[in-house]
Amino acid sequence: MKPTYPLNKAQITGWVLAGGQSSRMGGVDKGLLTFQGQTLVQRAIERLQPQVHSVMV
């Protein structure tokens, strides 16, 4: 099925990739690090959410 253009929010699912071993960070889970009171995963979701229908992590 080919999408029709322009796409609207209802047609888009956003993905936040949050896996990996964090070997360069000494095994610390980067997604759970906090910046200005929020985890990095929370910040990514908040910025993506207004642009898509749903967000998957």
Protein backbone atom coordinates (compact mmCIF):
# COMPACT_ATOMS: atom_id res chain seq x y z
CA MET A 1 0.00 0.00 0.00
CA LYS A 2 1.50 3.32 -1.04
CA PRO A 3 0.91 6.31 1.24
CA THR A 4 -0.87 9.34 -0.07
CA TYR A 5 0.92 12.65 0.23
CA PRO A 6 1.02 14.81 2.21
CA LEU A 7 0.93 12.42 5.16
CA ASN A 8 -1.06 13.39 8.22
CA LYS A 9 -0.39 12.55 11.86
CA ALA A 10 -2.93 9.72 11.85
CA GLN A 11 -0.78 7.83 9.35
CA ILE A 12 2.54 8.05 11.22
CA THR A 13 3.95 6.05 14.12
CA GLY A 14 7.13 7.42 15.67
CA TRP A 15 9.85 5.13 16.99
CA VAL A 16 12.38 5.91 19.72
CA LEU A 17 15.26 3.43 19.55
CA ALA A 18 16.38 2.76 23.10
CA GLY A 19 18.43 -0.41 23.01
CA GLY A 20 22.09 -1.25 23.10
CA GLN A 21 24.75 -2.12 25.62
CA SER A 22 26.06 1.42 26.32
CA SER A 23 29.57 -0.02 26.26
CA ARG A 24 31.18 3.41 25.78
CA MET A 25 29.21 4.70 28.78
CA GLY A 26 30.40 1.92 31.08
CA GLY A 27 27.11 0.04 30.87
CA VAL A 28 24.99 2.98 32.08
CA ASP A 29 21.56 3.02 30.40
CA LYS A 30 21.65 6.24 28.36
CA GLY A 31 17.89 6.43 28.04
CA LEU A 32 17.51 6.63 31.81
CA LEU A 33 20.06 9.42 32.29
CA THR A 34 18.40 12.66 33.32
CA PHE A 35 18.74 16.08 31.74
CA GLN A 36 16.86 19.04 33.20
CA GLY A 37 14.74 16.74 35.36
CA GLN A 38 13.67 14.26 32.65
CA THR A 39 15.12 11.04 31.34
CA LEU A 40 16.48 11.20 27.81
CA VAL A 41 13.78 8.76 26.67
CA GLN A 42 11.05 11.02 28.12
CA ARG A 43 12.53 14.03 26.34
CA ALA A 44 12.63 12.18 23.01
CA ILE A 45 9.00 11.04 23.39
CA GLU A 46 7.79 14.53 24.30
CA ARG A 47 9.40 16.05 21.23
CA LEU A 48 8.16 13.33 18.89
CA GLN A 49 4.57 13.03 20.20
CA PRO A 50 3.15 16.26 18.66
CA GLN A 51 4.31 15.16 15.21
CA VAL A 52 2.92 11.59 15.11
CA HIS A 53 -0.18 9.54 15.97
CA SER A 54 1.60 7.20 18.37
CA VAL A 55 5.09 6.59 19.74
CA MET A 56 6.76 3.20 20.19
CA VAL A 57 9.88 2.68 22.31
